[in-house]
Amino acid sequence: MANYWWLWMALAAVFIIGEIFTGGFFIFWFGIGALLAGVAAIFGLGAPWQWGIFVVVAGVLVVVSRRFAQAVTEEQPSGVGADRTIGKQGVVLVEIDNIKDSGRVRIGKEQWRARSETGENLAENEKVEVVGIVGTHVVVARVEEEQ
């Protein structure tokens, strides 16, 4: 396998180009491992050395990059993304029925799919408050009218 350096280089190219089409910056490290295994093949190292270099380099780079990413990545602050709707009030546009998985509310100028916090049905035009987010749905509770 020592003279098959071009297979390692092709594999490296596939991994590195594949990274362009995926998220997460994960398979790039396998491309680097394959590239270094190809260099080992060019220098005449045998298949066990090539595979060892590939596995060790890719493994170490994956572990190190994950730890680095966790260290520098901050949790998204509240009030950003969908979380910005929590605590806001809106109005039911389409009756909310958790069993039928139906319901839509307007919060500000946006419309959201909605679920009832308690499981009770909420009729059109009822005022609701967002108490959470589950997937692509806002979880709402009825707002009691003040008298």
C-alpha atoms as a PDB file:
ATOM      1  CA  MET A   1       0.000   0.000   0.000  1.00  0.00           C
ATOM      2  CA  ALA A   2       3.067   2.216   0.215  1.00  0.00           C
ATOM      3  CA  ASN A   3       2.739   3.129  -3.469  1.00  0.00           C
ATOM      4  CA  TYR A   4      -0.930   4.039  -3.142  1.00  0.00           C
ATOM      5  CA  TRP A   5      -0.265   7.516  -1.786  1.00  0.00           C
ATOM      6  CA  TRP A   6      -2.661   8.916  -4.374  1.00  0.00           C
ATOM      7  CA  LEU A   7      -5.565   7.055  -2.718  1.00  0.00           C
ATOM      8  CA  TRP A   8      -4.849   8.892   0.532  1.00  0.00           C
ATOM      9  CA  MET A   9      -4.644  12.197  -1.314  1.00  0.00           C
ATOM     10  CA  ALA A  10      -7.945  11.514  -3.089  1.00  0.00           C
ATOM     11  CA  LEU A  11      -9.551  10.593   0.238  1.00  0.00           C
ATOM     12  CA  ALA A  12      -8.154  13.786   1.780  1.00  0.00           C
ATOM     13  CA  ALA A  13      -9.645  15.817  -1.066  1.00  0.00           C
ATOM     14  CA  VAL A  14     -13.032  14.121  -0.629  1.00  0.00           C
ATOM     15  CA  PHE A  15     -13.048  14.879   3.114  1.00  0.00           C
ATOM     16  CA  ILE A  16     -11.890  18.462   2.732  1.00  0.00           C
ATOM     17  CA  ILE A  17     -14.288  19.229  -0.129  1.00  0.00           C
ATOM     18  CA  GLY A  18     -17.059  17.404   1.750  1.00  0.00           C
ATOM     19  CA  GLU A  19     -16.531  19.778   4.663  1.00  0.00           C
ATOM     20  CA  ILE A  20     -17.662  22.615   2.434  1.00  0.00           C
ATOM     21  CA  PHE A  21     -21.080  20.978   2.111  1.00  0.00           C
ATOM     22  CA  THR A  22     -21.566  20.071   5.770  1.00  0.00           C
ATOM     23  CA  GLY A  23     -21.808  22.012   8.992  1.00  0.00           C
ATOM     24  CA  GLY A  24     -19.870  21.529  12.167  1.00  0.00           C
ATOM     25  CA  PHE A  25     -16.241  21.571  11.010  1.00  0.00           C
ATOM     26  CA  PHE A  26     -15.888  17.839  11.693  1.00  0.00           C
ATOM     27  CA  ILE A  27     -14.799  15.883   8.613  1.00  0.00           C
ATOM     28  CA  PHE A  28     -12.070  18.393   7.763  1.00  0.00           C
ATOM     29  CA  TRP A  29      -9.887  16.726  10.405  1.00  0.00           C
ATOM     30  CA  PHE A  30     -10.251  13.375   8.669  1.00  0.00           C
ATOM     31  CA  GLY A  31      -9.020  15.097   5.518  1.00  0.00           C
ATOM     32  CA  ILE A  32      -5.936  16.322   7.374  1.00  0.00           C
ATOM     33  CA  GLY A  33      -5.336  12.790   8.712  1.00  0.00           C
ATOM     34  CA  ALA A  34      -5.652  11.312   5.213  1.00  0.00           C
ATOM     35  CA  LEU A  35      -3.317  13.976   3.836  1.00  0.00           C
ATOM     36  CA  LEU A  36      -0.641  13.119   6.404  1.00  0.00           C
ATOM     37  CA  ALA A  37      -1.139   9.393   5.781  1.00  0.00           C
ATOM     38  CA  GLY A  38      -0.564  10.116   2.081  1.00  0.00           C
ATOM     39  CA  VAL A  39       2.670  11.920   2.938  1.00  0.00           C
ATOM     40  CA  ALA A  40       3.710   8.865   4.987  1.00  0.00           C
ATOM     41  CA  ALA A  41       3.004   6.675   1.950  1.00  0.00           C
ATOM     42  CA  ILE A  42       5.149   8.932  -0.246  1.00  0.00           C
ATOM     43  CA  PHE A  43       8.039   8.445   2.210  1.00  0.00           C
ATOM     44  CA  GLY A  44       7.591   4.677   1.983  1.00  0.00           C
ATOM     45  CA  LEU A  45       6.029   3.932   5.356  1.00  0.00           C
ATOM     46  CA  GLY A  46       3.889   0.792   5.326  1.00  0.00           C
ATOM     47  CA  ALA A  47       0.135   0.446   5.620  1.00  0.00           C
ATOM     48  CA  PRO A  48       0.102   0.067   9.443  1.00  0.00           C
ATOM     49  CA  TRP A  49       1.983   3.371   9.785  1.00  0.00           C
ATOM     50  CA  GLN A  50      -0.327   5.077   7.299  1.00  0.00           C
ATOM     51  CA  TRP A  51      -3.458   3.875   9.074  1.00  0.00           C
ATOM     52  CA  GLY A  52      -1.981   4.710  12.465  1.00  0.00           C
ATOM     53  CA  ILE A  53      -1.135   8.247  11.362  1.00  0.00           C
ATOM     54  CA  PHE A  54      -4.610   8.680   9.870  1.00  0.00           C
ATOM     55  CA  VAL A  55      -6.434   7.457  12.993  1.00  0.00           C
ATOM     56  CA  VAL A  56      -4.249   9.243  15.549  1.00  0.00           C
ATOM     57  CA  VAL A  57      -4.083  12.590  13.732  1.00  0.00           C
ATOM     58  CA  ALA A  58      -7.804  12.679  12.924  1.00  0.00           C
ATOM     59  CA  GLY A  59      -8.767  11.524  16.417  1.00  0.00           C
ATOM     60  CA  VAL A  60      -6.562  14.017  18.225  1.00  0.00           C
ATOM     61  CA  LEU A  61      -7.702  16.897  16.016  1.00  0.00           C
ATOM     62  CA  VAL A  62     -11.381  16.031  16.527  1.00  0.00           C
ATOM     63  CA  VAL A  63     -10.996  15.857  20.315  1.00  0.00           C
ATOM     64  CA  VAL A  64      -8.916  19.041  20.546  1.00  0.00           C
ATOM     65  CA  SER A  65     -11.220  21.026  18.252  1.00  0.00           C
ATOM     66  CA  ARG A  66     -14.327  19.947  20.205  1.00  0.00           C
ATOM     67  CA  ARG A  67     -12.788  20.986  23.508  1.00  0.00           C
ATOM     68  CA  PHE A  68     -11.637  24.282  22.005  1.00  0.00           C
ATOM     69  CA  ALA A  69     -15.099  24.929  20.531  1.00  0.00           C
ATOM     70  CA  GLN A  70     -16.774  24.243  23.876  1.00  0.00           C
ATOM     71  CA  ALA A  71     -14.343  26.536  25.662  1.00  0.00           C
ATOM     72  CA  VAL A  72     -14.838  29.502  23.352  1.00  0.00           C
ATOM     73  CA  THR A  73     -18.529  29.063  22.549  1.00  0.00           C
ATOM     74  CA  GLU A  74     -20.861  30.959  24.803  1.00  0.00           C
ATOM     75  CA  GLU A  75     -24.428  29.971  25.423  1.00  0.00           C
ATOM     76  CA  GLN A  76     -26.881  32.039  23.436  1.00  0.00           C
ATOM     77  CA  PRO A  77     -28.107  34.893  25.611  1.00  0.00           C
ATOM     78  CA  SER A  78     -31.795  35.048  26.390  1.00  0.00           C
ATOM     79  CA  GLY A  79     -33.775  37.408  24.219  1.00  0.00           C
ATOM     80  CA  VAL A  80     -32.068  36.224  21.039  1.00  0.00           C
ATOM     81  CA  GLY A  81     -33.641  33.999  18.409  1.00  0.00           C
ATOM     82  CA  ALA A  82     -36.943  32.353  19.246  1.00  0.00           C
ATOM     83  CA  ASP A  83     -36.352  32.954  22.978  1.00  0.00           C
ATOM     84  CA  ARG A  84     -37.093  36.635  22.440  1.00  0.00           C
ATOM     85  CA  THR A  85     -40.804  35.756  22.377  1.00  0.00           C
ATOM     86  CA  ILE A  86     -40.863  34.320  25.910  1.00  0.00           C
ATOM     87  CA  GLY A  87     -42.908  36.537  28.192  1.00  0.00           C
ATOM     88  CA  LYS A  88     -44.581  38.394  25.323  1.00  0.00           C
ATOM     89  CA  GLN A  89     -48.298  38.427  24.784  1.00  0.00           C
ATOM     90  CA  GLY A  90     -50.157  37.626  21.611  1.00  0.00           C
ATOM     91  CA  VAL A  91     -53.503  36.597  20.222  1.00  0.00           C
ATOM     92  CA  VAL A  92     -54.731  33.212  18.980  1.00  0.00           C
ATOM     93  CA  LEU A  93     -55.324  33.213  15.209  1.00  0.00           C
ATOM     94  CA  VAL A  94     -56.213  29.529  14.801  1.00  0.00           C
ATOM     95  CA  GLU A  95     -57.689  27.518  17.678  1.00  0.00           C
ATOM     96  CA  ILE A  96     -54.971  25.788  19.687  1.00  0.00           C
ATOM     97  CA  ASP A  97     -55.636  22.070  20.099  1.00  0.00           C
ATOM     98  CA  ASN A  98     -52.647  19.993  21.247  1.00  0.00           C
ATOM     99  CA  ILE A  99     -54.315  16.711  20.305  1.00  0.00           C
ATOM    100  CA  LYS A 100     -54.881  17.809  16.698  1.00  0.00           C
ATOM    101  CA  ASP A 101     -51.509  19.592  16.708  1.00  0.00           C
ATOM    102  CA  SER A 102     -53.181  22.750  15.476  1.00  0.00           C
ATOM    103  CA  GLY A 103     -52.855  26.315  16.575  1.00  0.00           C
ATOM    104  CA  ARG A 104     -51.330  29.560  15.476  1.00  0.00           C
ATOM    105  CA  VAL A 105     -50.737  32.804  17.350  1.00  0.00           C
ATOM    106  CA  ARG A 106     -49.599  36.294  16.428  1.00  0.00           C
ATOM    107  CA  ILE A 107     -46.920  37.819  18.622  1.00  0.00           C
ATOM    108  CA  GLY A 108     -46.138  41.322  17.518  1.00  0.00           C
ATOM    109  CA  LYS A 109     -45.968  41.120  13.731  1.00  0.00           C
ATOM    110  CA  GLU A 110     -44.944  37.449  13.625  1.00  0.00           C
ATOM    111  CA  GLN A 111     -47.074  34.337  13.416  1.00  0.00           C
ATOM    112  CA  TRP A 112     -46.045  31.191  15.275  1.00  0.00           C
ATOM    113  CA  ARG A 113     -47.293  27.628  15.527  1.00  0.00           C
ATOM    114  CA  ALA A 114     -48.519  27.192  19.079  1.00  0.00           C
ATOM    115  CA  ARG A 115     -49.243  24.629  21.765  1.00  0.00           C
ATOM    116  CA  SER A 116     -51.166  25.101  24.988  1.00  0.00           C
ATOM    117  CA  GLU A 117     -49.134  24.823  28.193  1.00  0.00           C
ATOM    118  CA  THR A 118     -51.957  23.090  30.075  1.00  0.00           C
ATOM    119  CA  GLY A 119     -53.337  21.061  27.164  1.00  0.00           C
ATOM    120  CA  GLU A 120     -56.617  22.973  27.181  1.00  0.00           C
ATOM    121  CA  ASN A 121     -57.967  24.243  23.876  1.00  0.00           C
ATOM    122  CA  LEU A 122     -57.638  27.983  23.345  1.00  0.00           C
ATOM    123  CA  ALA A 123     -60.146  29.658  21.030  1.00  0.00           C
ATOM    124  CA  GLU A 124     -59.500  32.236  18.326  1.00  0.00           C
ATOM    125  CA  ASN A 125     -58.969  35.811  19.532  1.00  0.00           C
ATOM    126  CA  GLU A 126     -57.978  34.743  23.071  1.00  0.00           C
ATOM    127  CA  LYS A 127     -55.049  36.601  24.567  1.00  0.00           C
ATOM    128  CA  VAL A 128     -52.083  34.400  25.441  1.00  0.00           C
ATOM    129  CA  GLU A 129     -48.591  34.749  26.859  1.00  0.00           C
ATOM    130  CA  VAL A 130     -45.592  32.780  25.631  1.00  0.00           C
ATOM    131  CA  VAL A 131     -44.144  30.641  28.440  1.00  0.00           C
ATOM    132  CA  GLY A 132     -41.695  28.536  26.455  1.00  0.00           C
ATOM    133  CA  ILE A 133     -40.440  27.213  23.147  1.00  0.00           C
ATOM    134  CA  VAL A 134     -40.571  23.565  22.068  1.00  0.00           C
ATOM    135  CA  GLY A 135     -39.038  22.947  18.663  1.00  0.00           C
ATOM    136  CA  THR A 136     -40.827  25.231  16.225  1.00  0.00           C
ATOM    137  CA  HIS A 137     -43.814  25.856  18.502  1.00  0.00           C
ATOM    138  CA  VAL A 138     -44.352  28.523  21.119  1.00  0.00           C
ATOM    139  CA  VAL A 139     -45.942  27.215  24.310  1.00  0.00           C
ATOM    140  CA  VAL A 140     -48.618  29.597  25.490  1.00  0.00           C
ATOM    141  CA  ALA A 141     -50.865  30.127  28.499  1.00  0.00           C
ATOM    142  CA  ARG A 142     -54.167  31.994  28.607  1.00  0.00           C
ATOM    143  CA  VAL A 143     -53.917  35.562  29.869  1.00  0.00           C
ATOM    144  CA  GLU A 144     -56.645  36.264  32.373  1.00  0.00           C
ATOM    145  CA  GLU A 145     -58.505  39.492  31.685  1.00  0.00           C
ATOM    146  CA  GLU A 146     -58.054  42.123  34.384  1.00  0.00           C
ATOM    147  CA  GLN A 147     -61.234  43.647  35.756  1.00  0.00           C
END
